[in-house]
Amino acid sequence: MEIKNAKQLPEEFIWQDTVGLITKSLGAAGGSQKIYVNIDYVPPKAYSTKYHSHSQQEEFFMILSGTGTLRLQDKKCSVRQGDFFAKPSAQNIAHTFYNSGNEVLVILDVGTNEKEDTCYYPDEDVYMQKSNEQRRVFRGSNDDLSWTSEPNQAK
């Protein structure tokens, strides 16, 4: 075991998008296997993620600094430093944070690492399925309602 510092994280544990959203993967950098621990830095007028839910992954969030708006199950509420909540798995609880403030919104994001999980993005009716170390993305509108698992179905 080695003590690490979030300000001196190797680049492989830092993700950044084009608008300046930054995620530091502290759990991965520290060698965690069953949980992830991230710190998300959300710039003003940006989202933390697309609005989504998980089938298996449980999550916990705490606002470390800044202010923003949490969209949780299509309700919007203001969040600020010290606010926290947990999202149990398999309950279709969708969420996203929006930085409606003027400074960076910093969020502690902790959750379980699941080998099998399906994220549902209700605004787009898109599923992202993680299984056997592969990801598959498909739209709910592409459902094949004629398919059956019945092995002896009449033709």
N, C-alpha and C. Protein backbone atom coordinates (compact mmCIF):
# COMPACT_ATOMS: atom_id res chain seq x y z
N MET A 1 0.84 -1.19 0.00
CA MET A 1 0.00 0.00 0.00
C MET A 1 0.88 1.24 0.00
N GLU A 2 0.42 2.20 -0.72
CA GLU A 2 1.17 3.44 -0.84
C GLU A 2 0.20 4.61 -0.71
N ILE A 3 0.55 5.61 0.08
CA ILE A 3 -0.27 6.82 0.19
C ILE A 3 -0.07 7.64 -1.07
N LYS A 4 -1.17 8.07 -1.65
CA LYS A 4 -1.11 8.89 -2.87
C LYS A 4 -1.76 10.24 -2.58
N ASN A 5 -1.59 11.18 -3.49
CA ASN A 5 -2.16 12.50 -3.33
C ASN A 5 -2.95 12.86 -4.58
N ALA A 6 -4.17 13.34 -4.40
CA ALA A 6 -5.05 13.66 -5.53
C ALA A 6 -4.47 14.74 -6.43
N LYS A 7 -3.59 15.58 -5.90
CA LYS A 7 -2.99 16.65 -6.70
C LYS A 7 -1.80 16.16 -7.52
N GLN A 8 -1.35 14.92 -7.25
CA GLN A 8 -0.19 14.36 -7.97
C GLN A 8 -0.56 13.03 -8.61
N LEU A 9 -1.74 12.95 -9.19
CA LEU A 9 -2.24 11.73 -9.80
C LEU A 9 -1.63 11.53 -11.18
N PRO A 10 -1.19 10.33 -11.52
CA PRO A 10 -0.72 10.07 -12.88
C PRO A 10 -1.84 10.33 -13.90
N GLU A 11 -1.47 10.75 -15.09
CA GLU A 11 -2.45 11.12 -16.13
C GLU A 11 -3.43 10.00 -16.45
N GLU A 12 -3.01 8.75 -16.33
CA GLU A 12 -3.89 7.62 -16.67
C GLU A 12 -5.12 7.54 -15.77
N PHE A 13 -5.11 8.25 -14.64
CA PHE A 13 -6.24 8.24 -13.72
C PHE A 13 -7.03 9.55 -13.76
N ILE A 14 -6.79 10.36 -14.80
CA ILE A 14 -7.50 11.63 -14.97
C ILE A 14 -8.15 11.65 -16.34
N TRP A 15 -9.46 11.90 -16.36
CA TRP A 15 -10.21 12.00 -17.61
C TRP A 15 -10.73 13.42 -17.74
N GLN A 16 -10.70 13.98 -18.95
CA GLN A 16 -11.21 15.34 -19.17
C GLN A 16 -11.91 15.40 -20.51
N ASP A 17 -13.04 16.13 -20.56
CA ASP A 17 -13.72 16.32 -21.84
C ASP A 17 -13.41 17.69 -22.42
N THR A 18 -14.05 18.03 -23.51
CA THR A 18 -13.73 19.26 -24.24
C THR A 18 -14.22 20.53 -23.56
N VAL A 19 -15.21 20.43 -22.64
CA VAL A 19 -15.70 21.63 -21.95
C VAL A 19 -15.01 21.85 -20.61
N GLY A 20 -14.16 20.90 -20.19
CA GLY A 20 -13.42 21.07 -18.95
C GLY A 20 -13.89 20.21 -17.79
N LEU A 21 -14.87 19.32 -18.01
CA LEU A 21 -15.26 18.37 -16.98
C LEU A 21 -14.06 17.46 -16.73
N ILE A 22 -13.69 17.30 -15.46
CA ILE A 22 -12.54 16.47 -15.09
C ILE A 22 -12.99 15.44 -14.07
N THR A 23 -12.58 14.20 -14.27
CA THR A 23 -12.81 13.15 -13.28
C THR A 23 -11.47 12.57 -12.88
N LYS A 24 -11.21 12.57 -11.58
CA LYS A 24 -10.01 11.94 -11.03
C LYS A 24 -10.43 10.62 -10.40
N SER A 25 -9.87 9.53 -10.89
CA SER A 25 -10.21 8.18 -10.43
C SER A 25 -9.30 7.77 -9.28
N LEU A 26 -9.64 8.22 -8.08
CA LEU A 26 -8.81 7.97 -6.91
C LEU A 26 -8.81 6.51 -6.51
N GLY A 27 -9.97 5.88 -6.55
CA GLY A 27 -10.05 4.47 -6.18
C GLY A 27 -9.18 3.60 -7.06
N ALA A 28 -9.25 3.81 -8.37
CA ALA A 28 -8.43 3.03 -9.30
C ALA A 28 -6.95 3.30 -9.06
N ALA A 29 -6.59 4.55 -8.84
CA ALA A 29 -5.20 4.90 -8.59
C ALA A 29 -4.69 4.26 -7.30
N GLY A 30 -5.58 4.09 -6.33
CA GLY A 30 -5.20 3.50 -5.05
C GLY A 30 -5.28 1.98 -5.04
N GLY A 31 -5.75 1.38 -6.14
CA GLY A 31 -5.81 -0.07 -6.23
C GLY A 31 -7.12 -0.69 -5.77
N SER A 32 -8.16 0.11 -5.60
CA SER A 32 -9.46 -0.41 -5.17
C SER A 32 -10.05 -1.34 -6.24
N GLN A 33 -10.70 -2.41 -5.81
CA GLN A 33 -11.29 -3.35 -6.75
C GLN A 33 -12.81 -3.41 -6.67
N LYS A 34 -13.37 -3.36 -5.48
CA LYS A 34 -14.82 -3.52 -5.34
C LYS A 34 -15.59 -2.20 -5.38
N ILE A 35 -14.91 -1.09 -5.11
CA ILE A 35 -15.58 0.22 -5.20
C ILE A 35 -14.73 1.17 -6.04
N TYR A 36 -15.41 2.15 -6.62
CA TYR A 36 -14.68 3.25 -7.26
C TYR A 36 -14.86 4.49 -6.40
N VAL A 37 -13.87 5.36 -6.43
CA VAL A 37 -13.94 6.63 -5.73
C VAL A 37 -13.43 7.67 -6.72
N ASN A 38 -14.29 8.57 -7.13
CA ASN A 38 -13.93 9.62 -8.08
C ASN A 38 -14.17 10.98 -7.45
N ILE A 39 -13.42 11.95 -7.92
CA ILE A 39 -13.76 13.34 -7.67
C ILE A 39 -14.02 13.96 -9.03
N ASP A 40 -15.22 14.50 -9.20
CA ASP A 40 -15.64 15.13 -10.45
C ASP A 40 -15.58 16.64 -10.29
N TYR A 41 -14.97 17.30 -11.24
CA TYR A 41 -14.86 18.76 -11.27
C TYR A 41 -15.71 19.24 -12.45
N VAL A 42 -16.87 19.82 -12.16
CA VAL A 42 -17.82 20.22 -13.18
C VAL A 42 -17.75 21.73 -13.36
N PRO A 43 -17.30 22.20 -14.54
CA PRO A 43 -17.22 23.64 -14.74
C PRO A 43 -18.61 24.29 -14.83
N PRO A 44 -18.68 25.60 -14.62
CA PRO A 44 -19.97 26.30 -14.74
C PRO A 44 -20.64 26.03 -16.09
N LYS A 45 -21.95 25.86 -16.06
CA LYS A 45 -22.80 25.63 -17.23
C LYS A 45 -22.53 24.30 -17.91
N ALA A 46 -22.04 23.30 -17.15
CA ALA A 46 -21.78 21.97 -17.69
C ALA A 46 -22.47 20.91 -16.82
N TYR A 47 -22.65 19.73 -17.40
CA TYR A 47 -23.24 18.59 -16.71
C TYR A 47 -22.15 17.62 -16.26
N SER A 48 -22.44 16.88 -15.19
CA SER A 48 -21.51 15.87 -14.69
C SER A 48 -21.56 14.61 -15.55
N THR A 49 -22.72 14.25 -16.02
CA THR A 49 -22.96 13.07 -16.86
C THR A 49 -24.24 13.31 -17.63
N LYS A 50 -24.54 12.43 -18.57
CA LYS A 50 -25.88 12.43 -19.13
C LYS A 50 -26.81 11.83 -18.08
N TYR A 51 -28.06 12.22 -18.10
CA TYR A 51 -29.08 11.74 -17.17
C TYR A 51 -29.25 10.23 -17.35
N HIS A 52 -29.00 9.45 -16.27
CA HIS A 52 -29.00 7.99 -16.40
C HIS A 52 -29.27 7.29 -15.08
N SER A 53 -29.58 6.00 -15.17
CA SER A 53 -29.72 5.13 -14.00
C SER A 53 -28.89 3.87 -14.22
N HIS A 54 -28.68 3.11 -13.14
CA HIS A 54 -27.91 1.86 -13.20
C HIS A 54 -28.78 0.69 -12.75
N SER A 55 -28.56 -0.47 -13.35
CA SER A 55 -29.29 -1.66 -12.93
C SER A 55 -28.63 -2.33 -11.73
N GLN A 56 -27.30 -2.25 -11.60
CA GLN A 56 -26.59 -2.97 -10.55
C GLN A 56 -25.72 -2.08 -9.67
N GLN A 57 -25.22 -1.01 -10.21
CA GLN A 57 -24.26 -0.17 -9.50
C GLN A 57 -24.96 0.71 -8.46
N GLU A 58 -24.44 0.67 -7.23
CA GLU A 58 -24.92 1.56 -6.17
C GLU A 58 -23.96 2.75 -6.11
N GLU A 59 -24.50 3.95 -5.86
CA GLU A 59 -23.68 5.16 -5.87
C GLU A 59 -23.97 6.04 -4.66
N PHE A 60 -22.96 6.82 -4.30
CA PHE A 60 -23.06 7.81 -3.23
C PHE A 60 -22.38 9.08 -3.73
N PHE A 61 -23.01 10.23 -3.50
CA PHE A 61 -22.47 11.51 -3.95
C PHE A 61 -22.45 12.50 -2.79
N MET A 62 -21.39 13.31 -2.74
CA MET A 62 -21.31 14.40 -1.77
C MET A 62 -20.71 15.62 -2.45
N ILE A 63 -21.32 16.77 -2.25
CA ILE A 63 -20.82 18.01 -2.82
C ILE A 63 -19.69 18.51 -1.92
N LEU A 64 -18.49 18.59 -2.49
CA LEU A 64 -17.33 19.06 -1.73
C LEU A 64 -17.19 20.57 -1.78
N SER A 65 -17.55 21.17 -2.93
CA SER A 65 -17.55 22.63 -3.04
C SER A 65 -18.37 23.04 -4.25
N GLY A 66 -18.79 24.30 -4.22
CA GLY A 66 -19.59 24.84 -5.32
C GLY A 66 -21.07 24.64 -5.08
N THR A 67 -21.84 25.05 -6.08
CA THR A 67 -23.30 24.90 -6.05
C THR A 67 -23.75 24.39 -7.41
N GLY A 68 -24.93 23.79 -7.42
CA GLY A 68 -25.44 23.27 -8.67
C GLY A 68 -26.87 22.83 -8.53
N THR A 69 -27.33 22.12 -9.56
CA THR A 69 -28.68 21.59 -9.59
C THR A 69 -28.60 20.09 -9.83
N LEU A 70 -29.27 19.34 -8.99
CA LEU A 70 -29.35 17.90 -9.13
C LEU A 70 -30.68 17.56 -9.78
N ARG A 71 -30.63 16.83 -10.87
CA ARG A 71 -31.85 16.28 -11.47
C ARG A 71 -31.91 14.82 -11.03
N LEU A 72 -32.90 14.49 -10.25
CA LEU A 72 -33.06 13.16 -9.68
C LEU A 72 -34.50 12.73 -9.89
N GLN A 73 -34.71 11.70 -10.68
CA GLN A 73 -36.06 11.23 -10.99
C GLN A 73 -36.94 12.36 -11.52
N ASP A 74 -36.39 13.14 -12.42
CA ASP A 74 -37.09 14.26 -13.07
C ASP A 74 -37.50 15.38 -12.12
N LYS A 75 -36.98 15.38 -10.89
CA LYS A 75 -37.15 16.52 -9.99
C LYS A 75 -35.82 17.25 -9.94
N LYS A 76 -35.86 18.55 -9.83
CA LYS A 76 -34.65 19.35 -9.75
C LYS A 76 -34.56 20.00 -8.38
N CYS A 77 -33.36 19.91 -7.79
CA CYS A 77 -33.17 20.58 -6.51
C CYS A 77 -31.76 21.16 -6.45
N SER A 78 -31.62 22.23 -5.73
CA SER A 78 -30.33 22.89 -5.56
C SER A 78 -29.46 22.07 -4.62
N VAL A 79 -28.15 22.04 -4.93
CA VAL A 79 -27.19 21.36 -4.05
C VAL A 79 -26.04 22.32 -3.77
N ARG A 80 -25.42 22.13 -2.60
CA ARG A 80 -24.29 22.97 -2.20
C ARG A 80 -23.35 22.14 -1.34
N GLN A 81 -22.24 22.72 -0.96
CA GLN A 81 -21.22 22.04 -0.16
C GLN A 81 -21.84 21.37 1.06
N GLY A 82 -21.49 20.10 1.25
CA GLY A 82 -21.99 19.33 2.39
C GLY A 82 -23.20 18.48 2.09
N ASP A 83 -23.92 18.76 0.99
CA ASP A 83 -25.09 17.95 0.64
C ASP A 83 -24.62 16.59 0.12
N PHE A 84 -25.36 15.53 0.48
CA PHE A 84 -25.01 14.20 -0.02
C PHE A 84 -26.26 13.33 -0.12
N PHE A 85 -26.17 12.27 -0.92
CA PHE A 85 -27.25 11.30 -1.03
C PHE A 85 -26.69 10.01 -1.63
N ALA A 86 -27.43 8.93 -1.43
CA ALA A 86 -27.05 7.62 -1.99
C ALA A 86 -28.12 7.20 -2.99
N LYS A 87 -27.68 6.45 -3.98
CA LYS A 87 -28.57 5.88 -4.99
C LYS A 87 -28.45 4.37 -4.94
N PRO A 88 -29.40 3.68 -4.29
CA PRO A 88 -29.34 2.22 -4.28
C PRO A 88 -29.48 1.68 -5.71
N SER A 89 -28.95 0.51 -5.95
CA SER A 89 -29.01 -0.08 -7.28
C SER A 89 -30.39 -0.65 -7.59
N ALA A 90 -30.61 -0.92 -8.85
CA ALA A 90 -31.79 -1.64 -9.35
C ALA A 90 -33.11 -0.99 -8.99
N GLN A 91 -33.15 0.33 -8.88
CA GLN A 91 -34.40 1.02 -8.58
C GLN A 91 -34.74 2.08 -9.63
N ASN A 92 -34.04 2.05 -10.76
CA ASN A 92 -34.30 3.00 -11.85
C ASN A 92 -34.25 4.45 -11.41
N ILE A 93 -33.31 4.78 -10.54
CA ILE A 93 -33.17 6.15 -10.05
C ILE A 93 -32.18 6.87 -10.96
N ALA A 94 -32.70 7.70 -11.85
CA ALA A 94 -31.84 8.43 -12.79
C ALA A 94 -31.37 9.73 -12.16
N HIS A 95 -30.16 10.18 -12.58
CA HIS A 95 -29.61 11.41 -12.01
C HIS A 95 -28.61 12.06 -12.97
N THR A 96 -28.38 13.33 -12.72
CA THR A 96 -27.28 14.10 -13.28
C THR A 96 -27.15 15.37 -12.46
N PHE A 97 -25.95 15.94 -12.44
CA PHE A 97 -25.71 17.24 -11.81
C PHE A 97 -25.46 18.26 -12.92
N TYR A 98 -25.96 19.47 -12.72
CA TYR A 98 -25.68 20.59 -13.61
C TYR A 98 -25.06 21.70 -12.76
N ASN A 99 -23.95 22.23 -13.22
CA ASN A 99 -23.33 23.34 -12.48
C ASN A 99 -24.01 24.63 -12.87
N SER A 100 -24.95 25.06 -12.05
CA SER A 100 -25.68 26.30 -12.29
C SER A 100 -25.04 27.48 -11.57
N GLY A 101 -23.90 27.21 -10.91
CA GLY A 101 -23.19 28.27 -10.19
C GLY A 101 -22.12 28.92 -11.05
N ASN A 102 -21.28 29.72 -10.41
CA ASN A 102 -20.22 30.45 -11.12
C ASN A 102 -18.82 29.93 -10.84
N GLU A 103 -18.71 28.93 -9.96
CA GLU A 103 -17.41 28.32 -9.68
C GLU A 103 -17.51 26.82 -9.96
N VAL A 104 -16.38 26.15 -9.99
CA VAL A 104 -16.37 24.71 -10.26
C VAL A 104 -17.16 23.97 -9.18
N LEU A 105 -18.02 23.06 -9.61
CA LEU A 105 -18.77 22.18 -8.72
C LEU A 105 -17.94 20.92 -8.53
N VAL A 106 -17.55 20.64 -7.29
CA VAL A 106 -16.69 19.48 -7.00
C VAL A 106 -17.51 18.44 -6.26
N ILE A 107 -17.55 17.22 -6.83
CA ILE A 107 -18.42 16.16 -6.32
C ILE A 107 -17.58 14.92 -5.99
N LEU A 108 -17.75 14.40 -4.79
CA LEU A 108 -17.20 13.10 -4.44
C LEU A 108 -18.21 12.06 -4.93
N ASP A 109 -17.76 11.12 -5.74
CA ASP A 109 -18.61 10.12 -6.39
C ASP A 109 -18.04 8.75 -6.04
N VAL A 110 -18.78 7.99 -5.23
CA VAL A 110 -18.32 6.67 -4.78
C VAL A 110 -19.37 5.65 -5.18
N GLY A 111 -18.93 4.48 -5.63
CA GLY A 111 -19.89 3.45 -6.00
C GLY A 111 -19.26 2.09 -6.11
N THR A 112 -20.10 1.12 -6.40
CA THR A 112 -19.63 -0.25 -6.55
C THR A 112 -19.18 -0.49 -7.98
N ASN A 113 -18.12 -1.26 -8.13
CA ASN A 113 -17.68 -1.72 -9.45
C ASN A 113 -18.42 -3.01 -9.75
N GLU A 114 -19.17 -3.01 -10.80
CA GLU A 114 -19.98 -4.18 -11.17
C GLU A 114 -19.53 -4.74 -12.50
N LYS A 115 -19.36 -6.07 -12.57
CA LYS A 115 -18.97 -6.71 -13.84
C LYS A 115 -20.13 -6.67 -14.83
N GLU A 116 -21.35 -6.70 -14.31
CA GLU A 116 -22.55 -6.65 -15.15
C GLU A 116 -23.37 -5.45 -14.72
N ASP A 117 -23.73 -4.58 -15.65
CA ASP A 117 -24.55 -3.42 -15.31
C ASP A 117 -25.15 -2.87 -16.59
N THR A 118 -26.34 -2.33 -16.48
CA THR A 118 -26.97 -1.66 -17.61
C THR A 118 -27.32 -0.25 -17.18
N CYS A 119 -26.81 0.71 -17.92
CA CYS A 119 -27.18 2.12 -17.72
C CYS A 119 -28.32 2.43 -18.66
N TYR A 120 -29.32 3.11 -18.17
CA TYR A 120 -30.42 3.55 -19.02
C TYR A 120 -30.43 5.06 -19.05
N TYR A 121 -30.46 5.63 -20.25
CA TYR A 121 -30.49 7.07 -20.48
C TYR A 121 -31.89 7.43 -20.97
N PRO A 122 -32.82 7.77 -20.06
CA PRO A 122 -34.22 7.94 -20.44
C PRO A 122 -34.49 9.08 -21.41
N ASP A 123 -33.70 10.14 -21.38
CA ASP A 123 -33.94 11.26 -22.30
C ASP A 123 -33.74 10.84 -23.75
N GLU A 124 -32.90 9.82 -23.96
CA GLU A 124 -32.59 9.36 -25.31
C GLU A 124 -33.11 7.95 -25.60
N ASP A 125 -33.70 7.31 -24.59
CA ASP A 125 -34.14 5.91 -24.69
C ASP A 125 -33.00 5.02 -25.16
N VAL A 126 -31.83 5.18 -24.51
CA VAL A 126 -30.63 4.43 -24.87
C VAL A 126 -30.19 3.60 -23.67
N TYR A 127 -29.76 2.38 -23.96
CA TYR A 127 -29.20 1.48 -22.95
C TYR A 127 -27.72 1.26 -23.26
N MET A 128 -26.90 1.27 -22.22
CA MET A 128 -25.50 0.88 -22.36
C MET A 128 -25.31 -0.32 -21.43
N GLN A 129 -25.08 -1.46 -22.02
CA GLN A 129 -24.96 -2.70 -21.26
C GLN A 129 -23.49 -3.09 -21.14
N LYS A 130 -23.05 -3.34 -19.91
CA LYS A 130 -21.69 -3.79 -19.66
C LYS A 130 -21.78 -5.25 -19.22
N SER A 131 -21.11 -6.13 -19.98
CA SER A 131 -21.15 -7.56 -19.67
C SER A 131 -19.92 -8.23 -20.25
N ASN A 132 -19.30 -9.09 -19.48
CA ASN A 132 -18.12 -9.84 -19.93
C ASN A 132 -17.04 -8.92 -20.50
N GLU A 133 -16.82 -7.78 -19.81
CA GLU A 133 -15.81 -6.78 -20.18
C GLU A 133 -16.04 -6.16 -21.55
N GLN A 134 -17.28 -6.19 -22.03
CA GLN A 134 -17.64 -5.54 -23.28
C GLN A 134 -18.81 -4.60 -23.03
N ARG A 135 -18.90 -3.55 -23.85
CA ARG A 135 -20.02 -2.61 -23.77
C ARG A 135 -20.82 -2.69 -25.05
N ARG A 136 -22.12 -2.61 -24.88
CA ARG A 136 -23.04 -2.64 -26.01
C ARG A 136 -24.05 -1.53 -25.80
N VAL A 137 -24.29 -0.74 -26.83
CA VAL A 137 -25.23 0.38 -26.74
C VAL A 137 -26.35 0.14 -27.74
N PHE A 138 -27.59 0.30 -27.26
CA PHE A 138 -28.73 0.12 -28.16
C PHE A 138 -29.89 0.98 -27.69
N ARG A 139 -30.79 1.26 -28.61
CA ARG A 139 -31.97 2.07 -28.31
C ARG A 139 -33.13 1.16 -27.93
N GLY A 140 -33.93 1.63 -26.97
CA GLY A 140 -35.10 0.88 -26.55
C GLY A 140 -36.10 0.71 -27.68
N SER A 141 -36.13 1.68 -28.61
CA SER A 141 -37.07 1.60 -29.73
C SER A 141 -36.67 0.51 -30.72
N ASN A 142 -35.48 -0.08 -30.56
CA ASN A 142 -35.04 -1.16 -31.45
C ASN A 142 -35.38 -2.53 -30.89
N ASP A 143 -36.25 -2.59 -29.88
CA ASP A 143 -36.61 -3.88 -29.30
C ASP A 143 -37.20 -4.80 -30.36
N ASP A 144 -36.81 -6.07 -30.30
CA ASP A 144 -37.39 -7.08 -31.18
C ASP A 144 -38.45 -7.81 -30.38
N LEU A 145 -39.69 -7.40 -30.51
CA LEU A 145 -40.78 -7.97 -29.73
C LEU A 145 -41.21 -9.33 -30.25
N SER A 146 -40.72 -9.74 -31.40
CA SER A 146 -41.09 -11.05 -31.93
C SER A 146 -40.16 -12.16 -31.44
N TRP A 147 -39.03 -11.81 -30.87
CA TRP A 147 -38.06 -12.82 -30.39
C TRP A 147 -38.57 -13.50 -29.14
N THR A 148 -38.27 -14.78 -29.01
CA THR A 148 -38.65 -15.53 -27.82
C THR A 148 -37.51 -16.48 -27.44
N SER A 149 -37.44 -16.84 -26.18
CA SER A 149 -36.44 -17.81 -25.74
C SER A 149 -36.96 -19.24 -25.82
N GLU A 150 -38.19 -19.39 -26.25
CA GLU A 150 -38.81 -20.72 -26.38
C GLU A 150 -38.04 -21.56 -27.40
N PRO A 151 -37.44 -22.72 -26.99
CA PRO A 151 -36.63 -23.50 -27.91
C PRO A 151 -37.44 -24.32 -28.91
N ASN A 152 -38.72 -24.55 -28.64
CA ASN A 152 -39.52 -25.41 -29.51
C ASN A 152 -40.72 -24.68 -30.10
N GLN A 153 -40.51 -23.42 -30.39
CA GLN A 153 -41.59 -22.59 -30.92
C GLN A 153 -41.99 -23.07 -32.31
N ALA A 154 -43.27 -23.12 -32.57
CA ALA A 154 -43.77 -23.51 -33.89
C ALA A 154 -43.37 -22.44 -34.90
N LYS A 155 -43.05 -22.90 -36.09
CA LYS A 155 -42.62 -21.95 -37.14
C LYS A 155 -43.71 -21.66 -38.11
